[in-house]
Amino acid sequence: MTTPAPPLTALAAPRRGRGPDRRRGVLRGVLAPALLAAGVGTALGVLTSYAQGWLPEQVAPLANSSTSWCVVAALLALTARSAPAGALAATAALLSLNAGYGLGSELRGYVYGSQGLAFWSLAAVVAGPPVGAAVHWVRQRRRLLGPPAAGVLAGVVAGEGAYGVLVLADVTPYGPYHGVQLALGVVGLAWACVRLRRPAGVAVAVAVAVAVAVAFVVVYGDPQLFSQVVG
């Protein structure tokens, strides 16, 4: 008995997932979220500058706090399909938020100094990748990467809140805002620890969160360190 020949369509059909089509798919999966993040980040950055004059005094820091920008970057990173693409998208979002804020300030007649632009651009490059990757690792419940990722996100929120409570409470009217911010960071960390369950994972998440929060307070509170970082 002879074996029937395969249909001509099977012989002519190209292999999926190889060649130029696959490369284009990969580029779209990486570049498209980054371009979206850059566009949205620029628009929100401009809006951030204007919002400083619109919001009530008690919640004015919401317009341009690090937590707000990191939340925006994290949400935009979720439009990516993978942790590396999310890291790129979050970095693009933070850089664009900073650039948009500078543009908005100039449009309002204020000068956004080169020192601030350089510092926050450097901060975007440093913080963007872990924030963007972290949201994917936490969502995917990675046993190895999930705990430090949860610690990074909670540490950013709690760190800025702690700086506000410890340093700014006596000189600004933003005390309640920063107190709530600190509480949200602690609650977020507690929620992550409940989901992690494993004692080792909980210990790593707490240690990373504390380290990030302390670094936040130190960098924010030391003008000389600020000057050294931005050169």
Protein backbone atom coordinates (compact mmCIF):
# COMPACT_ATOMS: atom_id res chain seq x y z
CA MET A 1 0.00 0.00 0.00
CA THR A 2 1.38 3.37 -0.98
CA THR A 3 1.40 6.28 1.45
CA PRO A 4 -0.74 9.18 0.22
CA ALA A 5 1.17 12.29 -0.65
CA PRO A 6 0.61 15.37 1.56
CA PRO A 7 -1.58 18.07 0.08
CA LEU A 8 0.14 20.81 -1.86
CA THR A 9 -1.13 23.42 0.61
CA ALA A 10 0.82 21.71 3.40
CA LEU A 11 3.99 21.81 1.33
CA ALA A 12 3.52 25.45 0.47
CA ALA A 13 2.51 26.68 3.93
CA PRO A 14 5.31 28.62 5.65
CA ARG A 15 6.49 27.62 9.10
CA ARG A 16 4.98 29.74 11.81
CA GLY A 17 7.08 31.66 14.26
CA ARG A 18 10.19 31.94 12.09
CA GLY A 19 11.76 34.47 9.82
CA PRO A 20 10.89 38.14 9.31
CA ASP A 21 7.31 37.74 10.60
CA ARG A 22 8.54 36.52 13.96
CA ARG A 23 11.09 39.32 14.23
CA ARG A 24 8.45 41.89 13.40
CA GLY A 25 6.17 40.36 16.02
CA VAL A 26 8.90 40.58 18.64
CA LEU A 27 9.64 44.19 17.76
CA ARG A 28 5.96 45.08 17.97
CA GLY A 29 5.70 43.32 21.31
CA VAL A 30 8.63 45.31 22.69
CA LEU A 31 8.47 48.67 20.90
CA ALA A 32 4.71 49.19 20.78
CA PRO A 33 4.27 49.26 24.59
CA ALA A 34 7.32 51.51 24.94
CA LEU A 35 6.00 53.97 22.34
CA LEU A 36 2.57 53.95 23.98
CA ALA A 37 4.19 54.59 27.36
CA ALA A 38 6.24 57.46 25.92
CA GLY A 39 3.20 59.13 24.40
CA VAL A 40 0.98 58.73 27.44
CA GLY A 41 3.83 59.68 29.76
CA THR A 42 4.54 62.92 27.92
CA ALA A 43 0.88 63.95 27.98
CA LEU A 44 0.49 63.11 31.67
CA GLY A 45 3.76 64.86 32.46
CA VAL A 46 2.45 68.11 30.97
CA LEU A 47 -0.82 67.60 32.83
CA THR A 48 1.12 66.98 36.04
CA SER A 49 2.63 70.44 35.94
CA TYR A 50 -0.74 72.11 35.45
CA ALA A 51 -2.39 69.91 38.09
CA GLN A 52 -0.12 71.36 40.75
CA GLY A 53 -2.14 74.55 40.52
CA TRP A 54 -5.53 72.83 40.21
CA LEU A 55 -5.56 70.33 43.07
CA PRO A 56 -6.45 71.28 46.65
CA GLU A 57 -3.45 72.01 48.83
CA GLN A 58 -3.85 68.88 50.95
CA VAL A 59 -3.48 66.54 47.97
CA ALA A 60 -1.26 68.67 45.74
CA PRO A 61 1.69 66.21 46.01
CA LEU A 62 -0.45 63.69 44.13
CA ALA A 63 0.27 65.69 40.96
CA ASN A 64 3.99 64.96 40.84
CA SER A 65 4.97 62.55 43.58
CA SER A 66 7.27 59.65 42.81
CA THR A 67 4.53 57.24 43.82
CA SER A 68 2.08 58.68 41.30
CA TRP A 69 4.61 58.46 38.50
CA CYS A 70 5.61 54.91 39.46
CA VAL A 71 1.96 53.84 39.50
CA VAL A 72 1.54 55.27 35.99
CA ALA A 73 4.72 53.51 34.83
CA ALA A 74 3.60 50.22 36.38
CA LEU A 75 0.18 50.37 34.73
CA LEU A 76 1.73 51.14 31.34
CA ALA A 77 4.20 48.29 31.84
CA LEU A 78 1.24 45.92 32.09
CA THR A 79 0.45 46.63 28.43
CA ALA A 80 3.61 44.68 27.58
CA ARG A 81 3.62 40.91 27.22
CA SER A 82 6.78 40.15 29.16
CA ALA A 83 8.87 41.43 32.02
CA PRO A 84 11.71 42.75 29.76
CA ALA A 85 9.23 44.61 27.56
CA GLY A 86 7.52 45.90 30.69
CA ALA A 87 10.85 47.16 32.02
CA LEU A 88 11.42 49.12 28.80
CA ALA A 89 7.87 50.51 28.84
CA ALA A 90 8.14 51.66 32.45
CA THR A 91 11.47 53.35 31.78
CA ALA A 92 10.03 55.12 28.73
CA ALA A 93 7.04 56.21 30.80
CA LEU A 94 9.16 57.71 33.59
CA LEU A 95 11.50 59.49 31.19
CA SER A 96 8.53 60.90 29.28
CA LEU A 97 6.73 61.97 32.46
CA ASN A 98 9.82 63.92 33.43
CA ALA A 99 10.18 65.49 29.98
CA GLY A 100 6.48 66.31 29.86
CA TYR A 101 6.63 67.89 33.29
CA GLY A 102 9.51 70.09 32.15
CA LEU A 103 7.60 71.08 29.03
CA GLY A 104 4.48 71.88 31.04
CA SER A 105 6.49 73.98 33.46
CA GLU A 106 8.00 75.97 30.61
CA LEU A 107 4.55 76.53 29.10
CA ARG A 108 3.36 77.84 32.47
CA GLY A 109 6.27 80.27 32.65
CA TYR A 110 8.36 78.36 35.16
CA VAL A 111 11.94 77.19 34.74
CA TYR A 112 12.54 73.47 35.21
CA GLY A 113 16.24 73.44 36.00
CA SER A 114 18.74 71.16 34.33
CA GLN A 115 19.61 69.68 37.73
CA GLY A 116 16.08 68.47 38.29
CA LEU A 117 15.80 67.19 34.73
CA ALA A 118 19.08 65.28 35.04
CA PHE A 119 18.29 63.81 38.45
CA TRP A 120 14.83 62.55 37.54
CA SER A 121 16.05 61.22 34.21
CA LEU A 122 18.70 59.24 36.06
CA ALA A 123 16.07 58.09 38.55
CA ALA A 124 13.86 56.95 35.65
CA VAL A 125 16.67 54.85 34.17
CA VAL A 126 17.44 53.31 37.57
CA ALA A 127 13.87 52.76 38.81
CA GLY A 128 12.09 52.06 35.52
CA PRO A 129 13.39 48.54 34.81
CA PRO A 130 12.69 47.08 38.29
CA VAL A 131 9.25 48.71 38.48
CA GLY A 132 8.24 47.54 35.01
CA ALA A 133 9.52 44.02 35.52
CA ALA A 134 8.20 43.84 39.08
CA VAL A 135 4.54 44.18 38.14
CA HIS A 136 4.90 41.22 35.77
CA TRP A 137 6.72 39.08 38.32
CA VAL A 138 4.15 39.83 41.01
CA ARG A 139 1.25 39.14 38.65
CA GLN A 140 2.84 35.87 37.52
CA ARG A 141 3.62 34.89 41.14
CA ARG A 142 7.21 34.08 40.36
CA ARG A 143 8.61 32.20 43.35
CA LEU A 144 12.12 33.57 42.92
CA LEU A 145 11.48 37.07 41.56
CA GLY A 146 8.06 37.83 43.05
CA PRO A 147 9.22 38.63 46.62
CA PRO A 148 11.88 41.23 45.71
CA ALA A 149 9.52 42.70 43.12
CA ALA A 150 6.80 43.15 45.74
CA GLY A 151 9.39 44.73 48.03
CA VAL A 152 10.41 47.25 45.39
CA LEU A 153 6.86 48.41 44.74
CA ALA A 154 5.94 48.64 48.43
CA GLY A 155 9.25 50.32 49.27
CA VAL A 156 8.72 53.11 46.74
CA VAL A 157 5.31 53.98 48.17
CA ALA A 158 6.31 53.65 51.82
CA GLY A 159 9.65 55.40 51.31
CA GLU A 160 8.16 58.58 49.90
CA GLY A 161 5.48 58.52 52.58
CA ALA A 162 8.11 58.09 55.31
CA TYR A 163 10.13 61.01 53.95
CA GLY A 164 7.03 63.19 54.00
CA VAL A 165 6.16 62.22 57.56
CA LEU A 166 9.71 62.52 58.91
CA VAL A 167 10.96 65.58 57.02
CA LEU A 168 8.10 67.54 55.49
CA ALA A 169 5.43 67.32 58.19
CA ASP A 170 6.62 70.47 59.99
CA VAL A 171 7.19 72.61 56.90
CA THR A 172 4.32 71.70 54.58
CA PRO A 173 0.56 71.06 54.92
CA TYR A 174 0.94 67.64 53.31
CA GLY A 175 1.27 65.59 56.51
CA PRO A 176 -2.03 63.66 56.17
CA TYR A 177 -1.29 62.86 52.53
CA HIS A 178 2.11 61.38 53.32
CA GLY A 179 0.72 59.52 56.33
CA VAL A 180 -1.83 57.82 54.09
CA GLN A 181 0.90 57.14 51.54
CA LEU A 182 3.07 55.44 54.18
CA ALA A 183 0.12 53.38 55.36
CA LEU A 184 -0.66 52.26 51.81
CA GLY A 185 2.92 51.10 51.37
CA VAL A 186 2.74 49.04 54.56
CA VAL A 187 -0.68 47.60 53.67
CA GLY A 188 0.55 46.73 50.18
CA LEU A 189 3.56 44.94 51.62
CA ALA A 190 1.35 43.03 54.08
CA TRP A 191 -0.98 41.98 51.26
CA ALA A 192 1.98 40.76 49.20
CA CYS A 193 3.33 38.79 52.17
CA VAL A 194 -0.02 37.06 52.62
CA ARG A 195 0.04 36.01 48.97
CA LEU A 196 3.67 34.91 49.10
CA ARG A 197 3.04 32.66 52.15
CA ARG A 198 6.52 31.15 52.13
CA PRO A 199 8.59 32.51 55.07
CA ALA A 200 11.68 32.96 52.91
CA GLY A 201 9.72 34.94 50.33
CA VAL A 202 8.14 37.10 53.02
CA ALA A 203 11.56 37.84 54.54
CA VAL A 204 12.99 38.86 51.16
CA ALA A 205 10.00 41.11 50.37
CA VAL A 206 10.23 42.87 53.74
CA ALA A 207 14.01 43.32 53.51
CA VAL A 208 13.84 44.78 50.01
CA ALA A 209 10.95 47.09 50.96
CA VAL A 210 12.84 48.42 53.97
CA ALA A 211 16.03 48.93 51.93
CA VAL A 212 14.17 50.79 49.17
CA ALA A 213 12.28 52.94 51.68
CA VAL A 214 15.47 53.86 53.55
CA ALA A 215 17.25 54.68 50.28
CA PHE A 216 14.32 56.91 49.35
CA VAL A 217 14.58 58.89 52.59
CA VAL A 218 18.37 59.20 52.34
CA VAL A 219 18.47 60.35 48.71
CA TYR A 220 15.54 62.75 49.15
CA GLY A 221 16.86 64.18 52.38
CA ASP A 222 20.50 64.81 51.50
CA PRO A 223 20.97 67.81 49.18
CA GLN A 224 24.71 67.12 48.90
CA LEU A 225 24.06 63.57 47.79
CA PHE A 226 21.52 64.95 45.32
CA SER A 227 24.18 67.25 43.84
CA GLN A 228 26.75 64.46 43.65
CA VAL A 229 24.33 62.13 41.87
CA VAL A 230 23.44 64.63 39.16
CA GLY A 231 27.02 65.86 38.86
